[in-house]
Amino acid sequence: MRRLVTSPTVTAVPGAANALTARLVVEAGFDAVYVTGAGIANTFLGTPDIGLVTLTELAAHVGAIREAVDVPLIVDADTGFGNAVGVRRTVRELERAGADAIQLEDQHAPKRCGHFVGKEVVAVEEMVQKVRAAVDARDDERLVIIARTDARATEGFAAALERAAAYREAGADVTFVEAPQSVDELRAIPNELGWPQVVNLVEGGRTPLLPLDELDGFTIALFANAALQGAIKGTLTVLEGLRRTGSLAAVSGDLAGWSQRQRLVGKPFFDTLEQRYATGAPTD
């Protein structure tokens, strides 16, 4: 993770809400996975991204994803599940679960998706305390702390940059000005803030969807819910076709094949384990 956030080029990081999607991200050739809070809320609870996922639920998802893939995991920890003392526990829980980077944001709890209306942010001093707690709590100094500000929507762009600078001074390794609203604002972020930056590219959101080669100066480009949105569309295509035709054969072209599915979930590996244990062969 440290190598990625210090790279001179931007790294695209798709989001995953579960272990299977994380494996698909790796299968597609990406170098890291973003454990998306919005995606977990949408898929696990069937709710919008309004702060309903608990720390325990998030940690369980991180642990399952870590078991499935060995690339770096950036974990969306929302507002940190409490005050600075709560953030300390959050960081320790998520680090043990397998996080390589933890993202915290400065919204009031319960938070809202960064591209929703009606967001509110806490005082700068409160978020600074949370960043300090996060830095202090990590067991491994290689764990990356990402501090996000949602102040662009409530206090303006200049104030958002000032908040990012304050969070950097408090110890954040990376900062993240959420939802800039123009190309000029996008380009100003890395120019004004001379340390690693995150940009979040959301279909239907407030930020212009520039391609990677026009995101000079950013370190991480998040595509937090691209896989989820693709899955929703693909699932509906198959189900509507099945309902219309009554035939699985009619929608087979939109289905992953049996062998591909079994390979992605590691069935050959588990078959080998069963054979090994049945024959009493050495397990190493």
Protein backbone atom coordinates (compact mmCIF):
# COMPACT_ATOMS: atom_id res chain seq x y z
CA MET A 1 0.00 0.00 0.00
CA ARG A 2 2.82 2.41 0.80
CA ARG A 3 4.30 1.77 -2.63
CA LEU A 4 1.01 2.57 -4.31
CA VAL A 5 0.39 5.80 -2.42
CA THR A 6 3.88 7.10 -3.13
CA SER A 7 3.83 6.18 -6.82
CA PRO A 8 4.18 9.11 -9.26
CA THR A 9 1.29 7.71 -11.31
CA VAL A 10 -2.36 7.30 -10.33
CA THR A 11 -3.59 3.83 -9.38
CA ALA A 12 -7.14 2.84 -10.25
CA VAL A 13 -8.82 1.03 -7.34
CA PRO A 14 -12.30 -0.45 -7.90
CA GLY A 15 -14.63 -1.05 -5.00
CA ALA A 16 -15.82 -4.42 -3.73
CA ALA A 17 -18.57 -5.13 -1.23
CA ASN A 18 -17.77 -8.83 -0.80
CA ALA A 19 -15.07 -11.43 -1.29
CA LEU A 20 -16.26 -12.63 -4.71
CA THR A 21 -16.25 -9.10 -6.14
CA ALA A 22 -12.77 -8.58 -4.70
CA ARG A 23 -11.61 -11.67 -6.56
CA LEU A 24 -13.11 -10.28 -9.76
CA VAL A 25 -11.22 -7.01 -9.22
CA VAL A 26 -7.97 -8.97 -8.93
CA GLU A 27 -8.95 -11.20 -11.87
CA ALA A 28 -9.33 -8.07 -13.99
CA GLY A 29 -5.75 -7.06 -13.18
CA PHE A 30 -6.12 -4.28 -10.60
CA ASP A 31 -3.49 -3.82 -7.90
CA ALA A 32 -5.72 -3.01 -4.92
CA VAL A 33 -9.32 -3.24 -3.70
CA TYR A 34 -11.46 -0.57 -2.07
CA VAL A 35 -13.80 -2.06 0.54
CA THR A 36 -16.74 0.21 -0.15
CA GLY A 37 -19.01 1.22 2.70
CA ALA A 38 -21.75 2.21 0.28
CA GLY A 39 -21.49 -1.13 -1.46
CA ILE A 40 -21.74 -3.05 1.81
CA ALA A 41 -24.79 -1.02 2.85
CA ASN A 42 -26.42 -1.60 -0.54
CA THR A 43 -25.70 -5.34 -0.83
CA PHE A 44 -25.67 -6.53 2.78
CA LEU A 45 -28.50 -4.43 4.18
CA GLY A 46 -30.29 -3.30 1.02
CA THR A 47 -30.10 0.28 2.27
CA PRO A 48 -28.55 3.52 1.00
CA ASP A 49 -25.20 4.78 2.25
CA ILE A 50 -26.45 6.57 5.36
CA GLY A 51 -24.29 5.10 8.12
CA LEU A 52 -26.27 1.98 9.05
CA VAL A 53 -23.41 -0.55 8.79
CA THR A 54 -21.81 -1.32 12.18
CA LEU A 55 -18.10 -1.71 12.93
CA THR A 56 -18.60 -5.41 13.64
CA GLU A 57 -20.31 -5.93 10.28
CA LEU A 58 -17.63 -3.96 8.45
CA ALA A 59 -14.80 -5.88 10.13
CA ALA A 60 -16.44 -9.19 9.18
CA HIS A 61 -16.60 -8.11 5.54
CA VAL A 62 -12.96 -6.98 5.61
CA GLY A 63 -11.89 -10.30 7.11
CA ALA A 64 -13.72 -12.28 4.43
CA ILE A 65 -12.24 -10.16 1.65
CA ARG A 66 -8.75 -10.45 3.12
CA GLU A 67 -9.09 -14.22 3.16
CA ALA A 68 -10.03 -14.16 -0.53
CA VAL A 69 -7.36 -11.84 -1.98
CA ASP A 70 -3.82 -10.83 -1.14
CA VAL A 71 -3.68 -7.37 -2.73
CA PRO A 72 -3.80 -4.20 -0.59
CA LEU A 73 -7.20 -3.32 0.89
CA ILE A 74 -8.35 0.26 1.37
CA VAL A 75 -11.23 0.19 3.86
CA ASP A 76 -13.95 2.83 4.03
CA ALA A 77 -14.53 3.34 7.77
CA ASP A 78 -17.03 6.20 7.37
CA THR A 79 -16.81 8.58 10.36
CA GLY A 80 -14.83 6.09 12.45
CA PHE A 81 -17.71 4.79 14.59
CA GLY A 82 -17.57 7.35 17.37
CA ASN A 83 -15.26 9.98 18.79
CA ALA A 84 -11.47 9.82 18.84
CA VAL A 85 -11.51 6.97 21.36
CA GLY A 86 -13.98 5.10 19.14
CA VAL A 87 -11.70 5.67 16.15
CA ARG A 88 -8.86 4.06 18.08
CA ARG A 89 -10.89 0.87 18.44
CA THR A 90 -12.03 1.05 14.82
CA VAL A 91 -8.48 1.22 13.50
CA ARG A 92 -7.33 -1.66 15.66
CA GLU A 93 -10.29 -3.84 14.66
CA LEU A 94 -9.91 -3.15 10.94
CA GLU A 95 -6.15 -3.54 10.98
CA ARG A 96 -6.52 -6.95 12.60
CA ALA A 97 -9.17 -7.86 10.02
CA GLY A 98 -6.72 -7.17 7.19
CA ALA A 99 -6.91 -3.50 6.21
CA ASP A 100 -3.83 -1.94 4.60
CA ALA A 101 -5.35 1.54 4.52
CA ILE A 102 -8.24 3.02 6.49
CA GLN A 103 -10.29 5.97 5.28
CA LEU A 104 -12.00 8.29 7.78
CA GLU A 105 -14.25 11.23 6.96
CA ASP A 106 -15.26 14.43 8.73
CA GLN A 107 -19.04 14.19 8.46
CA HIS A 108 -21.44 14.22 11.37
CA ALA A 109 -22.75 10.76 12.19
CA PRO A 110 -24.80 9.28 10.74
CA LYS A 111 -22.95 10.08 7.53
CA ARG A 112 -24.28 10.29 4.00
CA CYS A 113 -22.78 9.23 0.70
CA GLY A 114 -20.29 11.87 -0.40
CA HIS A 115 -22.41 12.72 -3.43
CA PHE A 116 -25.74 13.03 -1.55
CA VAL A 117 -27.24 16.38 -0.56
CA GLY A 118 -27.71 17.29 3.09
CA LYS A 119 -24.24 16.45 4.39
CA GLU A 120 -22.89 18.13 7.52
CA VAL A 121 -19.30 18.19 8.74
CA VAL A 122 -17.87 18.24 12.24
CA ALA A 123 -15.54 20.93 13.51
CA VAL A 124 -11.99 20.74 12.20
CA GLU A 125 -10.71 20.15 15.73
CA GLU A 126 -12.88 17.05 16.16
CA MET A 127 -11.61 15.48 12.96
CA VAL A 128 -8.02 16.36 13.86
CA GLN A 129 -8.48 14.41 17.09
CA LYS A 130 -9.76 11.42 15.12
CA VAL A 131 -6.81 11.50 12.75
CA ARG A 132 -4.38 11.65 15.67
CA ALA A 133 -6.16 8.72 17.31
CA ALA A 134 -6.00 6.70 14.09
CA VAL A 135 -2.29 7.30 13.71
CA ASP A 136 -1.67 6.42 17.35
CA ALA A 137 -3.78 3.24 17.22
CA ARG A 138 -2.10 1.41 14.35
CA ASP A 139 0.15 -1.49 15.25
CA ASP A 140 2.01 -1.44 11.94
CA GLU A 141 3.37 1.91 10.77
CA ARG A 142 2.84 0.74 7.20
CA LEU A 143 -0.94 1.03 7.69
CA VAL A 144 -2.02 4.05 5.66
CA ILE A 145 -4.42 6.59 7.18
CA ILE A 146 -6.58 8.43 4.63
CA ALA A 147 -8.45 11.51 5.88
CA ARG A 148 -11.43 12.59 3.80
CA THR A 149 -13.22 15.91 3.96
CA ASP A 150 -16.76 16.47 2.77
CA ALA A 151 -16.56 20.22 3.37
CA ARG A 152 -16.70 21.14 -0.33
CA ALA A 153 -20.49 20.82 -0.24
CA THR A 154 -21.01 22.80 2.98
CA GLU A 155 -18.15 25.27 3.40
CA GLY A 156 -16.75 25.63 -0.11
CA PHE A 157 -13.69 24.47 -1.98
CA ALA A 158 -11.12 26.68 -0.23
CA ALA A 159 -12.28 25.51 3.19
CA ALA A 160 -12.08 21.89 2.05
CA LEU A 161 -8.43 22.40 1.06
CA GLU A 162 -7.71 24.00 4.44
CA ARG A 163 -9.26 21.05 6.22
CA ALA A 164 -7.20 18.61 4.18
CA ALA A 165 -4.04 20.50 5.17
CA ALA A 166 -5.04 20.35 8.85
CA TYR A 167 -5.62 16.60 8.63
CA ARG A 168 -2.26 16.11 6.97
CA GLU A 169 -0.60 18.06 9.77
CA ALA A 170 -2.37 15.81 12.28
CA GLY A 171 -0.67 12.78 10.71
CA ALA A 172 -2.79 11.58 7.78
CA ASP A 173 -0.68 9.89 5.11
CA VAL A 174 -3.17 10.70 2.34
CA THR A 175 -6.00 13.22 2.07
CA PHE A 176 -9.21 13.03 0.09
CA VAL A 177 -11.26 16.08 -0.89
CA GLU A 178 -14.60 14.47 -1.72
CA ALA A 179 -16.90 15.65 -4.52
CA PRO A 180 -15.04 18.52 -6.26
CA GLN A 181 -17.48 20.00 -8.73
CA SER A 182 -15.42 21.05 -11.75
CA VAL A 183 -12.35 20.12 -13.75
CA ASP A 184 -10.59 23.21 -12.39
CA GLU A 185 -11.24 22.09 -8.82
CA LEU A 186 -10.05 18.58 -9.60
CA ARG A 187 -6.78 19.86 -10.99
CA ALA A 188 -6.29 22.33 -8.15
CA ILE A 189 -6.34 19.65 -5.44
CA PRO A 190 -2.95 18.02 -6.17
CA ASN A 191 -1.48 21.38 -7.18
CA GLU A 192 -2.44 23.01 -3.87
CA LEU A 193 -1.83 20.00 -1.63
CA GLY A 194 1.63 18.56 -2.16
CA TRP A 195 1.16 15.07 -0.76
CA PRO A 196 -0.74 11.93 -1.85
CA GLN A 197 -4.38 12.54 -2.82
CA VAL A 198 -7.45 10.41 -3.52
CA VAL A 199 -10.14 11.16 -6.10
CA ASN A 200 -13.49 9.38 -6.18
CA LEU A 201 -15.14 8.91 -9.59
CA VAL A 202 -18.84 8.12 -9.28
CA GLU A 203 -21.30 7.66 -12.12
CA GLY A 204 -24.12 10.12 -11.45
CA GLY A 205 -22.05 11.99 -8.86
CA ARG A 206 -20.87 15.58 -8.63
CA THR A 207 -17.27 15.10 -9.81
CA PRO A 208 -16.34 15.24 -13.52
CA LEU A 209 -15.47 11.77 -14.78
CA LEU A 210 -12.00 12.42 -16.17
CA PRO A 211 -9.96 9.48 -17.51
CA LEU A 212 -6.90 8.36 -15.56
CA ASP A 213 -4.48 10.07 -17.94
CA GLU A 214 -6.04 13.43 -17.02
CA LEU A 215 -5.69 12.94 -13.27
CA ASP A 216 -2.08 14.02 -12.92
CA GLY A 217 -1.02 14.50 -9.32
CA PHE A 218 -3.53 12.12 -7.78
CA THR A 219 -2.29 8.92 -6.19
CA ILE A 220 -5.46 6.83 -5.95
CA ALA A 221 -8.53 6.99 -8.21
CA LEU A 222 -11.45 5.20 -6.59
CA PHE A 223 -14.17 3.58 -8.68
CA ALA A 224 -16.08 2.68 -5.57
CA ASN A 225 -19.27 1.26 -7.03
CA ALA A 226 -18.55 0.55 -10.69
CA ALA A 227 -18.56 -3.22 -10.11
CA LEU A 228 -21.74 -3.03 -8.05
CA GLN A 229 -23.56 -0.96 -10.66
CA GLY A 230 -22.43 -3.39 -13.35
CA ALA A 231 -23.66 -6.32 -11.27
CA ILE A 232 -27.05 -4.69 -10.77
CA LYS A 233 -27.48 -4.12 -14.48
CA GLY A 234 -26.23 -7.59 -15.41
CA THR A 235 -28.43 -9.29 -12.83
CA LEU A 236 -31.53 -7.47 -14.00
CA THR A 237 -30.73 -8.33 -17.62
CA VAL A 238 -30.59 -12.04 -16.79
CA LEU A 239 -33.63 -12.08 -14.51
CA GLU A 240 -35.81 -10.08 -16.88
CA GLY A 241 -34.76 -12.32 -19.78
CA LEU A 242 -35.49 -15.43 -17.73
CA ARG A 243 -38.92 -14.14 -16.72
CA ARG A 244 -39.74 -13.14 -20.29
CA THR A 245 -38.62 -16.37 -21.97
CA GLY A 246 -38.83 -18.97 -19.23
CA SER A 247 -35.59 -20.42 -20.60
CA LEU A 248 -32.12 -20.42 -19.06
CA ALA A 249 -30.73 -21.11 -22.52
CA ALA A 250 -32.10 -17.77 -23.71
CA VAL A 251 -29.91 -15.85 -21.26
CA SER A 252 -26.85 -18.10 -21.25
CA GLY A 253 -24.82 -15.52 -23.15
CA ASP A 254 -25.13 -13.18 -20.17
CA LEU A 255 -24.02 -15.77 -17.60
CA ALA A 256 -20.56 -16.58 -16.31
CA GLY A 257 -19.75 -20.17 -17.19
CA TRP A 258 -19.87 -22.99 -14.64
CA SER A 259 -16.12 -23.60 -14.75
CA GLN A 260 -15.30 -19.89 -14.44
CA ARG A 261 -17.55 -19.55 -11.41
CA GLN A 262 -16.05 -22.60 -9.68
CA ARG A 263 -12.50 -21.41 -10.40
CA LEU A 264 -13.23 -17.95 -8.97
CA VAL A 265 -14.46 -19.41 -5.68
CA GLY A 266 -11.48 -21.75 -5.42
CA LYS A 267 -13.21 -25.10 -5.83
CA PRO A 268 -10.12 -26.85 -7.27
CA PHE A 269 -8.18 -25.80 -4.16
CA PHE A 270 -10.80 -27.23 -1.82
CA ASP A 271 -11.02 -30.42 -3.89
CA THR A 272 -7.27 -30.82 -3.39
CA LEU A 273 -7.65 -30.31 0.36
CA GLU A 274 -10.35 -32.97 0.59
CA GLN A 275 -8.14 -35.45 -1.23
CA ARG A 276 -5.14 -34.60 0.93
CA TYR A 277 -7.00 -35.06 4.21
CA ALA A 278 -8.71 -38.24 2.99
CA THR A 279 -5.37 -39.86 2.12
CA GLY A 280 -3.51 -38.62 5.18
CA ALA A 281 -0.91 -36.84 3.04
CA PRO A 282 1.19 -34.05 4.66
CA THR A 283 -0.74 -30.76 4.82
CA ASP A 284 2.20 -28.44 4.11
